[in-house]
Amino acid sequence: MEILTCAFLFFVKTNHFMAYALVTGASKGIGKAIAEELAGRGYSLLLVARSGERLEKIAGEIQAKFKVEAKYLSMDLATPGSAKAIADWCWENQFQVNVLVNNAGYGLSGEFERYPLKDHLDMMQLNMQVPVELCYLFLPHLKKQERSYILNISSTSAYQAIPLMSVYAASKVFILFFTRGLRQELKGTPVSVTCISPGPTDSEFVVRAQIKEKGIKAAKKVNMTPQAVASIAVKAMFDGKAEVITGMLNKVVSFASWLLPKGFIERTAMKMYE
């Protein structure tokens, strides 16, 4: 019996090594933490982000710590055709992907007209179009697995309009509703679809979004670590949850956004970014 148990554990472990999790935006923040969480569960990783230097370092660290494979692809996902290039990379190398994590994304804060139109369009490409394309390209493959998962990262911003972050918040509404719809479509298939909506998180998001000091100070009061968010996200995904807002306070705020007058909520949110 002991020999059979050991053989079974060996079988599970080696098959986990054959199963890859593809994580976009994996070079920092929540994406990096999700990658580490999955590696801790025995998944080999396919890491995608803009910075090849960061990815190389992270891949090396993950391989040394978790004893799993960690491949990486440096790719600017705001570039049209990037999703197809990722899929081609996977097919050419015969990577068996059964976890797809659409994490890459960023925001811009300030008046809508402050930024060139291209900046908004690039953000929409990364936040919305790339997750849709990757889901479309990988779904036929995911459906062939005994069990597979899609994890889309939205935001608590999806539960209200946010003046001075109008396009970003709208892009996260899109991800939330796209995930809800796709989940229902895929009921009865091997593919489980989950949406995670984090609130403020200790990451470089505020730097790229150019959020002013007032907003940063407000966010710090409710900040979660990327590791805490990743732990909740990965557990929710493997538990087959539909939708999870991370952190009790974030849940309360999101519920209040639904309950209270929209104008009041939007004016309050805007004050954080003025």
C-alpha atoms as a PDB file:
ATOM      1  CA  MET A   1       0.000   0.000   0.000  1.00  0.00           C
ATOM      2  CA  GLU A   2       2.835   2.375   0.866  1.00  0.00           C
ATOM      3  CA  ILE A   3       4.491   1.704  -2.511  1.00  0.00           C
ATOM      4  CA  LEU A   4       1.208   2.364  -4.341  1.00  0.00           C
ATOM      5  CA  THR A   5       0.744   5.639  -2.446  1.00  0.00           C
ATOM      6  CA  CYS A   6       4.251   6.799  -3.344  1.00  0.00           C
ATOM      7  CA  ALA A   7       3.698   5.828  -6.968  1.00  0.00           C
ATOM      8  CA  PHE A   8       0.436   7.784  -7.078  1.00  0.00           C
ATOM      9  CA  LEU A   9       2.050  10.890  -5.587  1.00  0.00           C
ATOM     10  CA  PHE A  10       4.880  10.626  -8.098  1.00  0.00           C
ATOM     11  CA  PHE A  11       2.343  10.351 -10.939  1.00  0.00           C
ATOM     12  CA  VAL A  12       0.454  13.443  -9.757  1.00  0.00           C
ATOM     13  CA  LYS A  13       3.631  15.437  -9.309  1.00  0.00           C
ATOM     14  CA  THR A  14       5.090  14.587 -12.696  1.00  0.00           C
ATOM     15  CA  ASN A  15       1.798  15.307 -14.435  1.00  0.00           C
ATOM     16  CA  HIS A  16       1.648  18.670 -12.677  1.00  0.00           C
ATOM     17  CA  PHE A  17       5.067  19.415 -14.111  1.00  0.00           C
ATOM     18  CA  MET A  18       3.598  18.768 -17.569  1.00  0.00           C
ATOM     19  CA  ALA A  19       0.761  21.210 -16.913  1.00  0.00           C
ATOM     20  CA  TYR A  20       1.611  24.840 -17.619  1.00  0.00           C
ATOM     21  CA  ALA A  21       0.002  27.977 -16.263  1.00  0.00           C
ATOM     22  CA  LEU A  22       0.253  31.011 -18.542  1.00  0.00           C
ATOM     23  CA  VAL A  23       0.383  34.292 -16.609  1.00  0.00           C
ATOM     24  CA  THR A  24       0.403  37.713 -18.289  1.00  0.00           C
ATOM     25  CA  GLY A  25       1.843  40.714 -16.485  1.00  0.00           C
ATOM     26  CA  ALA A  26       4.000  38.280 -14.537  1.00  0.00           C
ATOM     27  CA  SER A  27       7.035  40.491 -13.951  1.00  0.00           C
ATOM     28  CA  LYS A  28       5.708  42.260 -10.846  1.00  0.00           C
ATOM     29  CA  GLY A  29       2.827  42.833  -8.448  1.00  0.00           C
ATOM     30  CA  ILE A  30      -0.181  40.538  -8.473  1.00  0.00           C
ATOM     31  CA  GLY A  31       0.939  38.686 -11.613  1.00  0.00           C
ATOM     32  CA  LYS A  32       4.285  37.733 -10.100  1.00  0.00           C
ATOM     33  CA  ALA A  33       2.596  36.686  -6.847  1.00  0.00           C
ATOM     34  CA  ILE A  34       0.058  34.529  -8.728  1.00  0.00           C
ATOM     35  CA  ALA A  35       2.897  32.874 -10.633  1.00  0.00           C
ATOM     36  CA  GLU A  36       4.643  32.026  -7.357  1.00  0.00           C
ATOM     37  CA  GLU A  37       1.393  30.745  -5.851  1.00  0.00           C
ATOM     38  CA  LEU A  38       0.866  28.421  -8.819  1.00  0.00           C
ATOM     39  CA  ALA A  39       4.488  27.263  -8.747  1.00  0.00           C
ATOM     40  CA  GLY A  40       3.977  26.373  -5.089  1.00  0.00           C
ATOM     41  CA  ARG A  41       1.148  24.093  -6.228  1.00  0.00           C
ATOM     42  CA  GLY A  42       3.437  22.305  -8.681  1.00  0.00           C
ATOM     43  CA  TYR A  43       2.556  24.114 -11.897  1.00  0.00           C
ATOM     44  CA  SER A  44       5.211  24.904 -14.460  1.00  0.00           C
ATOM     45  CA  LEU A  45       4.927  28.461 -15.675  1.00  0.00           C
ATOM     46  CA  LEU A  46       4.801  30.486 -18.867  1.00  0.00           C
ATOM     47  CA  LEU A  47       5.536  34.071 -17.862  1.00  0.00           C
ATOM     48  CA  VAL A  48       4.677  36.980 -20.161  1.00  0.00           C
ATOM     49  CA  ALA A  49       5.429  40.679 -19.659  1.00  0.00           C
ATOM     50  CA  ARG A  50       7.275  43.583 -21.281  1.00  0.00           C
ATOM     51  CA  SER A  51      10.498  43.363 -19.308  1.00  0.00           C
ATOM     52  CA  GLY A  52      12.635  40.435 -20.456  1.00  0.00           C
ATOM     53  CA  GLU A  53      15.278  41.244 -17.855  1.00  0.00           C
ATOM     54  CA  ARG A  54      12.793  41.043 -14.993  1.00  0.00           C
ATOM     55  CA  LEU A  55      11.206  37.890 -16.366  1.00  0.00           C
ATOM     56  CA  GLU A  56      14.555  36.147 -16.686  1.00  0.00           C
ATOM     57  CA  LYS A  57      15.358  36.932 -13.044  1.00  0.00           C
ATOM     58  CA  ILE A  58      11.924  35.852 -11.782  1.00  0.00           C
ATOM     59  CA  ALA A  59      11.966  32.647 -13.845  1.00  0.00           C
ATOM     60  CA  GLY A  60      15.334  31.733 -12.361  1.00  0.00           C
ATOM     61  CA  GLU A  61      14.161  32.419  -8.817  1.00  0.00           C
ATOM     62  CA  ILE A  62      10.981  30.383  -9.271  1.00  0.00           C
ATOM     63  CA  GLN A  63      12.844  27.413 -10.766  1.00  0.00           C
ATOM     64  CA  ALA A  64      15.345  27.420  -7.913  1.00  0.00           C
ATOM     65  CA  LYS A  65      12.738  27.770  -5.167  1.00  0.00           C
ATOM     66  CA  PHE A  66       9.857  25.622  -6.411  1.00  0.00           C
ATOM     67  CA  LYS A  67      11.656  23.113  -8.676  1.00  0.00           C
ATOM     68  CA  VAL A  68       9.274  23.685 -11.586  1.00  0.00           C
ATOM     69  CA  GLU A  69       9.899  24.845 -15.134  1.00  0.00           C
ATOM     70  CA  ALA A  70       9.509  28.564 -15.753  1.00  0.00           C
ATOM     71  CA  LYS A  71       9.646  29.741 -19.353  1.00  0.00           C
ATOM     72  CA  TYR A  72       9.225  33.380 -20.288  1.00  0.00           C
ATOM     73  CA  LEU A  73       8.354  35.558 -23.267  1.00  0.00           C
ATOM     74  CA  SER A  74       9.084  39.285 -23.404  1.00  0.00           C
ATOM     75  CA  MET A  75       6.136  40.902 -25.151  1.00  0.00           C
ATOM     76  CA  ASP A  76       4.443  44.327 -25.140  1.00  0.00           C
ATOM     77  CA  LEU A  77       0.807  43.303 -24.982  1.00  0.00           C
ATOM     78  CA  ALA A  78      -0.356  46.743 -26.046  1.00  0.00           C
ATOM     79  CA  THR A  79       0.941  45.841 -29.511  1.00  0.00           C
ATOM     80  CA  PRO A  80      -1.721  44.467 -31.906  1.00  0.00           C
ATOM     81  CA  GLY A  81      -1.080  40.812 -32.681  1.00  0.00           C
ATOM     82  CA  SER A  82       0.629  40.131 -29.344  1.00  0.00           C
ATOM     83  CA  ALA A  83      -1.986  37.588 -28.215  1.00  0.00           C
ATOM     84  CA  LYS A  84      -1.537  35.579 -31.411  1.00  0.00           C
ATOM     85  CA  ALA A  85       2.243  35.692 -30.933  1.00  0.00           C
ATOM     86  CA  ILE A  86       1.833  34.255 -27.406  1.00  0.00           C
ATOM     87  CA  ALA A  87      -0.414  31.453 -28.666  1.00  0.00           C
ATOM     88  CA  ASP A  88       2.014  30.643 -31.492  1.00  0.00           C
ATOM     89  CA  TRP A  89       4.875  30.492 -28.972  1.00  0.00           C
ATOM     90  CA  CYS A  90       2.928  27.958 -26.925  1.00  0.00           C
ATOM     91  CA  TRP A  91       1.937  25.787 -29.898  1.00  0.00           C
ATOM     92  CA  GLU A  92       5.442  25.813 -31.392  1.00  0.00           C
ATOM     93  CA  ASN A  93       6.931  24.653 -28.085  1.00  0.00           C
ATOM     94  CA  GLN A  94       4.066  22.208 -27.371  1.00  0.00           C
ATOM     95  CA  PHE A  95       3.306  23.745 -23.979  1.00  0.00           C
ATOM     96  CA  GLN A  96       0.194  22.127 -22.500  1.00  0.00           C
ATOM     97  CA  VAL A  97      -1.614  25.098 -20.972  1.00  0.00           C
ATOM     98  CA  ASN A  98      -4.460  24.315 -18.593  1.00  0.00           C
ATOM     99  CA  VAL A  99      -4.431  27.535 -16.577  1.00  0.00           C
ATOM    100  CA  LEU A 100      -4.758  30.917 -18.294  1.00  0.00           C
ATOM    101  CA  VAL A 101      -4.318  33.981 -16.085  1.00  0.00           C
ATOM    102  CA  ASN A 102      -5.207  37.300 -17.740  1.00  0.00           C
ATOM    103  CA  ASN A 103      -3.567  39.666 -15.291  1.00  0.00           C
ATOM    104  CA  ALA A 104      -1.731  42.260 -17.417  1.00  0.00           C
ATOM    105  CA  GLY A 105      -3.241  45.713 -17.308  1.00  0.00           C
ATOM    106  CA  TYR A 106      -2.690  49.303 -16.211  1.00  0.00           C
ATOM    107  CA  GLY A 107      -4.547  52.531 -15.531  1.00  0.00           C
ATOM    108  CA  LEU A 108      -4.206  56.236 -16.263  1.00  0.00           C
ATOM    109  CA  SER A 109      -5.411  58.901 -13.837  1.00  0.00           C
ATOM    110  CA  GLY A 110      -6.331  62.495 -14.616  1.00  0.00           C
ATOM    111  CA  GLU A 111      -8.654  64.289 -16.987  1.00  0.00           C
ATOM    112  CA  PHE A 112      -9.658  62.243 -20.037  1.00  0.00           C
ATOM    113  CA  GLU A 113      -8.194  64.834 -22.438  1.00  0.00           C
ATOM    114  CA  ARG A 114      -4.898  64.999 -20.563  1.00  0.00           C
ATOM    115  CA  TYR A 115      -3.574  61.963 -22.449  1.00  0.00           C
ATOM    116  CA  PRO A 116      -3.139  61.425 -26.196  1.00  0.00           C
ATOM    117  CA  LEU A 117      -5.850  59.230 -27.697  1.00  0.00           C
ATOM    118  CA  LYS A 118      -3.252  56.536 -28.423  1.00  0.00           C
ATOM    119  CA  ASP A 119      -2.556  56.152 -24.690  1.00  0.00           C
ATOM    120  CA  HIS A 120      -6.216  55.374 -24.035  1.00  0.00           C
ATOM    121  CA  LEU A 121      -6.415  52.998 -26.989  1.00  0.00           C
ATOM    122  CA  ASP A 122      -3.252  51.163 -25.867  1.00  0.00           C
ATOM    123  CA  MET A 123      -4.734  50.744 -22.400  1.00  0.00           C
ATOM    124  CA  MET A 124      -7.984  49.409 -23.851  1.00  0.00           C
ATOM    125  CA  GLN A 125      -5.999  47.013 -26.045  1.00  0.00           C
ATOM    126  CA  LEU A 126      -4.125  45.640 -23.040  1.00  0.00           C
ATOM    127  CA  ASN A 127      -6.963  45.649 -20.495  1.00  0.00           C
ATOM    128  CA  MET A 128      -9.755  44.329 -22.717  1.00  0.00           C
ATOM    129  CA  GLN A 129      -8.794  43.105 -26.162  1.00  0.00           C
ATOM    130  CA  VAL A 130      -5.836  40.923 -25.165  1.00  0.00           C
ATOM    131  CA  PRO A 131      -7.789  38.907 -22.532  1.00  0.00           C
ATOM    132  CA  VAL A 132     -10.586  38.334 -25.064  1.00  0.00           C
ATOM    133  CA  GLU A 133      -8.124  37.237 -27.741  1.00  0.00           C
ATOM    134  CA  LEU A 134      -6.228  34.910 -25.404  1.00  0.00           C
ATOM    135  CA  CYS A 135      -9.450  33.311 -24.166  1.00  0.00           C
ATOM    136  CA  TYR A 136     -10.575  32.799 -27.772  1.00  0.00           C
ATOM    137  CA  LEU A 137      -7.247  31.376 -28.920  1.00  0.00           C
ATOM    138  CA  PHE A 138      -6.762  29.030 -25.968  1.00  0.00           C
ATOM    139  CA  LEU A 139     -10.342  27.822 -25.450  1.00  0.00           C
ATOM    140  CA  PRO A 140     -10.189  24.937 -27.960  1.00  0.00           C
ATOM    141  CA  HIS A 141      -7.048  23.697 -26.169  1.00  0.00           C
ATOM    142  CA  LEU A 142      -8.490  24.235 -22.674  1.00  0.00           C
ATOM    143  CA  LYS A 143     -11.644  22.294 -23.560  1.00  0.00           C
ATOM    144  CA  LYS A 144      -9.521  19.237 -24.343  1.00  0.00           C
ATOM    145  CA  GLN A 145      -8.116  19.104 -20.803  1.00  0.00           C
ATOM    146  CA  GLU A 146      -9.666  16.994 -18.070  1.00  0.00           C
ATOM    147  CA  ARG A 147      -9.951  20.192 -16.023  1.00  0.00           C
ATOM    148  CA  SER A 148      -8.770  23.692 -16.939  1.00  0.00           C
ATOM    149  CA  TYR A 149      -9.094  27.239 -15.655  1.00  0.00           C
ATOM    150  CA  ILE A 150      -9.321  30.840 -16.794  1.00  0.00           C
ATOM    151  CA  LEU A 151      -8.607  33.538 -14.213  1.00  0.00           C
ATOM    152  CA  ASN A 152      -9.371  37.119 -15.270  1.00  0.00           C
ATOM    153  CA  ILE A 153      -8.237  40.015 -13.088  1.00  0.00           C
ATOM    154  CA  SER A 154     -10.713  42.881 -12.883  1.00  0.00           C
ATOM    155  CA  SER A 155     -10.822  45.486 -10.085  1.00  0.00           C
ATOM    156  CA  THR A 156     -13.145  46.955  -7.490  1.00  0.00           C
ATOM    157  CA  SER A 157     -13.221  49.864  -9.978  1.00  0.00           C
ATOM    158  CA  ALA A 158     -15.575  47.669 -12.008  1.00  0.00           C
ATOM    159  CA  TYR A 159     -18.369  48.293  -9.512  1.00  0.00           C
ATOM    160  CA  GLN A 160     -18.584  52.058 -10.046  1.00  0.00           C
ATOM    161  CA  ALA A 161     -17.664  54.804 -12.473  1.00  0.00           C
ATOM    162  CA  ILE A 162     -14.508  56.644 -11.416  1.00  0.00           C
ATOM    163  CA  PRO A 163     -14.107  60.180 -12.747  1.00  0.00           C
ATOM    164  CA  LEU A 164     -10.436  60.935 -13.531  1.00  0.00           C
ATOM    165  CA  MET A 165      -9.931  57.217 -14.170  1.00  0.00           C
ATOM    166  CA  SER A 166     -12.890  56.879 -16.510  1.00  0.00           C
ATOM    167  CA  VAL A 167     -11.415  54.633 -19.206  1.00  0.00           C
ATOM    168  CA  TYR A 168      -9.603  52.355 -16.767  1.00  0.00           C
ATOM    169  CA  ALA A 169     -12.721  51.769 -14.651  1.00  0.00           C
ATOM    170  CA  ALA A 170     -14.788  51.113 -17.783  1.00  0.00           C
ATOM    171  CA  SER A 171     -12.219  48.581 -19.014  1.00  0.00           C
ATOM    172  CA  LYS A 172     -12.542  46.671 -15.755  1.00  0.00           C
ATOM    173  CA  VAL A 173     -16.347  46.647 -16.053  1.00  0.00           C
ATOM    174  CA  PHE A 174     -15.823  45.009 -19.433  1.00  0.00           C
ATOM    175  CA  ILE A 175     -13.600  42.280 -17.940  1.00  0.00           C
ATOM    176  CA  LEU A 176     -16.060  41.595 -15.121  1.00  0.00           C
ATOM    177  CA  PHE A 177     -19.062  41.234 -17.438  1.00  0.00           C
ATOM    178  CA  PHE A 178     -17.121  39.338 -20.096  1.00  0.00           C
ATOM    179  CA  THR A 179     -16.027  36.836 -17.442  1.00  0.00           C
ATOM    180  CA  ARG A 180     -19.526  36.427 -16.050  1.00  0.00           C
ATOM    181  CA  GLY A 181     -20.941  35.744 -19.486  1.00  0.00           C
ATOM    182  CA  LEU A 182     -18.148  33.400 -20.562  1.00  0.00           C
ATOM    183  CA  ARG A 183     -18.496  31.399 -17.355  1.00  0.00           C
ATOM    184  CA  GLN A 184     -22.149  30.668 -18.088  1.00  0.00           C
ATOM    185  CA  GLU A 185     -21.367  29.746 -21.700  1.00  0.00           C
ATOM    186  CA  LEU A 186     -18.767  27.224 -20.554  1.00  0.00           C
ATOM    187  CA  LYS A 187     -20.916  25.466 -17.947  1.00  0.00           C
ATOM    188  CA  GLY A 188     -20.840  21.771 -18.673  1.00  0.00           C
ATOM    189  CA  THR A 189     -17.341  21.963 -20.182  1.00  0.00           C
ATOM    190  CA  PRO A 190     -14.027  21.220 -18.400  1.00  0.00           C
ATOM    191  CA  VAL A 191     -13.240  24.975 -18.301  1.00  0.00           C
ATOM    192  CA  SER A 192     -13.881  26.913 -15.099  1.00  0.00           C
ATOM    193  CA  VAL A 193     -13.863  30.725 -15.380  1.00  0.00           C
ATOM    194  CA  THR A 194     -13.226  33.028 -12.420  1.00  0.00           C
ATOM    195  CA  CYS A 195     -13.004  36.803 -12.021  1.00  0.00           C
ATOM    196  CA  ILE A 196     -11.027  38.416  -9.208  1.00  0.00           C
ATOM    197  CA  SER A 197     -11.536  42.082  -8.313  1.00  0.00           C
ATOM    198  CA  PRO A 198      -8.742  43.424  -6.104  1.00  0.00           C
ATOM    199  CA  GLY A 199      -8.842  46.813  -4.449  1.00  0.00           C
ATOM    200  CA  PRO A 200      -5.758  48.947  -3.750  1.00  0.00           C
ATOM    201  CA  THR A 201      -2.659  46.736  -3.734  1.00  0.00           C
ATOM    202  CA  ASP A 202       1.006  47.369  -2.930  1.00  0.00           C
ATOM    203  CA  SER A 203       2.380  47.496  -6.480  1.00  0.00           C
ATOM    204  CA  GLU A 204       3.732  49.820  -9.157  1.00  0.00           C
ATOM    205  CA  PHE A 205       0.192  50.478 -10.434  1.00  0.00           C
ATOM    206  CA  VAL A 206       0.069  53.940  -8.845  1.00  0.00           C
ATOM    207  CA  VAL A 207       3.328  54.937 -10.556  1.00  0.00           C
ATOM    208  CA  ARG A 208       2.226  54.047 -14.083  1.00  0.00           C
ATOM    209  CA  ALA A 209      -1.252  55.426 -13.449  1.00  0.00           C
ATOM    210  CA  GLN A 210       0.336  58.723 -12.296  1.00  0.00           C
ATOM    211  CA  ILE A 211      -1.921  58.856  -9.266  1.00  0.00           C
ATOM    212  CA  LYS A 212      -1.329  61.931  -7.126  1.00  0.00           C
ATOM    213  CA  GLU A 213      -0.192  61.853  -3.505  1.00  0.00           C
ATOM    214  CA  LYS A 214      -3.730  62.344  -2.157  1.00  0.00           C
ATOM    215  CA  GLY A 215      -4.949  59.193  -3.878  1.00  0.00           C
ATOM    216  CA  ILE A 216      -1.865  57.222  -2.810  1.00  0.00           C
ATOM    217  CA  LYS A 217      -2.399  58.152   0.850  1.00  0.00           C
ATOM    218  CA  ALA A 218      -6.063  57.143   0.694  1.00  0.00           C
ATOM    219  CA  ALA A 219      -5.217  53.818  -0.933  1.00  0.00           C
ATOM    220  CA  LYS A 220      -2.554  52.982   1.658  1.00  0.00           C
ATOM    221  CA  LYS A 221      -5.231  52.780   4.344  1.00  0.00           C
ATOM    222  CA  VAL A 222      -6.793  49.729   2.660  1.00  0.00           C
ATOM    223  CA  ASN A 223      -3.832  48.316   0.699  1.00  0.00           C
ATOM    224  CA  MET A 224      -3.408  44.556   0.449  1.00  0.00           C
ATOM    225  CA  THR A 225      -0.165  42.822  -0.468  1.00  0.00           C
ATOM    226  CA  PRO A 226       0.107  41.144  -3.882  1.00  0.00           C
ATOM    227  CA  GLN A 227       0.748  37.854  -2.057  1.00  0.00           C
ATOM    228  CA  ALA A 228      -2.531  38.133  -0.115  1.00  0.00           C
ATOM    229  CA  VAL A 229      -4.462  38.909  -3.304  1.00  0.00           C
ATOM    230  CA  ALA A 230      -2.755  36.060  -5.177  1.00  0.00           C
ATOM    231  CA  SER A 231      -3.540  33.547  -2.450  1.00  0.00           C
ATOM    232  CA  ILE A 232      -7.238  34.468  -2.526  1.00  0.00           C
ATOM    233  CA  ALA A 233      -7.295  34.506  -6.342  1.00  0.00           C
ATOM    234  CA  VAL A 234      -5.677  31.117  -6.890  1.00  0.00           C
ATOM    235  CA  LYS A 235      -7.797  29.439  -4.217  1.00  0.00           C
ATOM    236  CA  ALA A 236     -10.975  30.925  -5.698  1.00  0.00           C
ATOM    237  CA  MET A 237      -9.966  29.739  -9.160  1.00  0.00           C
ATOM    238  CA  PHE A 238      -9.321  26.146  -8.098  1.00  0.00           C
ATOM    239  CA  ASP A 239     -12.500  26.189  -5.977  1.00  0.00           C
ATOM    240  CA  GLY A 240     -14.430  27.092  -9.127  1.00  0.00           C
ATOM    241  CA  LYS A 241     -15.734  30.396  -7.762  1.00  0.00           C
ATOM    242  CA  ALA A 242     -17.419  32.768 -10.201  1.00  0.00           C
ATOM    243  CA  GLU A 243     -16.391  36.115  -8.790  1.00  0.00           C
ATOM    244  CA  VAL A 244     -14.443  37.294  -5.743  1.00  0.00           C
ATOM    245  CA  ILE A 245     -13.708  40.767  -4.381  1.00  0.00           C
ATOM    246  CA  THR A 246     -10.547  40.555  -2.277  1.00  0.00           C
ATOM    247  CA  GLY A 247     -10.665  41.925   1.273  1.00  0.00           C
ATOM    248  CA  MET A 248     -13.658  42.549   3.517  1.00  0.00           C
ATOM    249  CA  LEU A 249     -13.399  46.342   3.332  1.00  0.00           C
ATOM    250  CA  ASN A 250     -13.317  46.200  -0.464  1.00  0.00           C
ATOM    251  CA  LYS A 251     -16.467  44.051  -0.385  1.00  0.00           C
ATOM    252  CA  VAL A 252     -18.213  46.615   1.824  1.00  0.00           C
ATOM    253  CA  VAL A 253     -17.165  49.539  -0.390  1.00  0.00           C
ATOM    254  CA  SER A 254     -18.310  47.727  -3.538  1.00  0.00           C
ATOM    255  CA  PHE A 255     -21.672  46.946  -1.945  1.00  0.00           C
ATOM    256  CA  ALA A 256     -22.011  50.593  -0.874  1.00  0.00           C
ATOM    257  CA  SER A 257     -21.278  51.649  -4.460  1.00  0.00           C
ATOM    258  CA  TRP A 258     -24.290  49.617  -5.570  1.00  0.00           C
ATOM    259  CA  LEU A 259     -26.514  50.774  -2.701  1.00  0.00           C
ATOM    260  CA  LEU A 260     -25.801  54.522  -2.464  1.00  0.00           C
ATOM    261  CA  PRO A 261     -26.693  57.198  -5.052  1.00  0.00           C
ATOM    262  CA  LYS A 262     -24.326  56.959  -8.003  1.00  0.00           C
ATOM    263  CA  GLY A 263     -23.631  60.701  -8.151  1.00  0.00           C
ATOM    264  CA  PHE A 264     -22.512  60.747  -4.514  1.00  0.00           C
ATOM    265  CA  ILE A 265     -20.245  57.721  -4.997  1.00  0.00           C
ATOM    266  CA  GLU A 266     -18.692  59.153  -8.154  1.00  0.00           C
ATOM    267  CA  ARG A 267     -18.022  62.575  -6.623  1.00  0.00           C
ATOM    268  CA  THR A 268     -16.450  60.901  -3.589  1.00  0.00           C
ATOM    269  CA  ALA A 269     -14.242  58.724  -5.780  1.00  0.00           C
ATOM    270  CA  MET A 270     -13.170  61.692  -7.901  1.00  0.00           C
ATOM    271  CA  LYS A 271     -11.894  63.575  -4.831  1.00  0.00           C
ATOM    272  CA  MET A 272      -9.266  60.860  -4.336  1.00  0.00           C
ATOM    273  CA  TYR A 273      -7.720  61.618  -7.721  1.00  0.00           C
ATOM    274  CA  GLU A 274      -8.018  65.410  -7.882  1.00  0.00           C
END
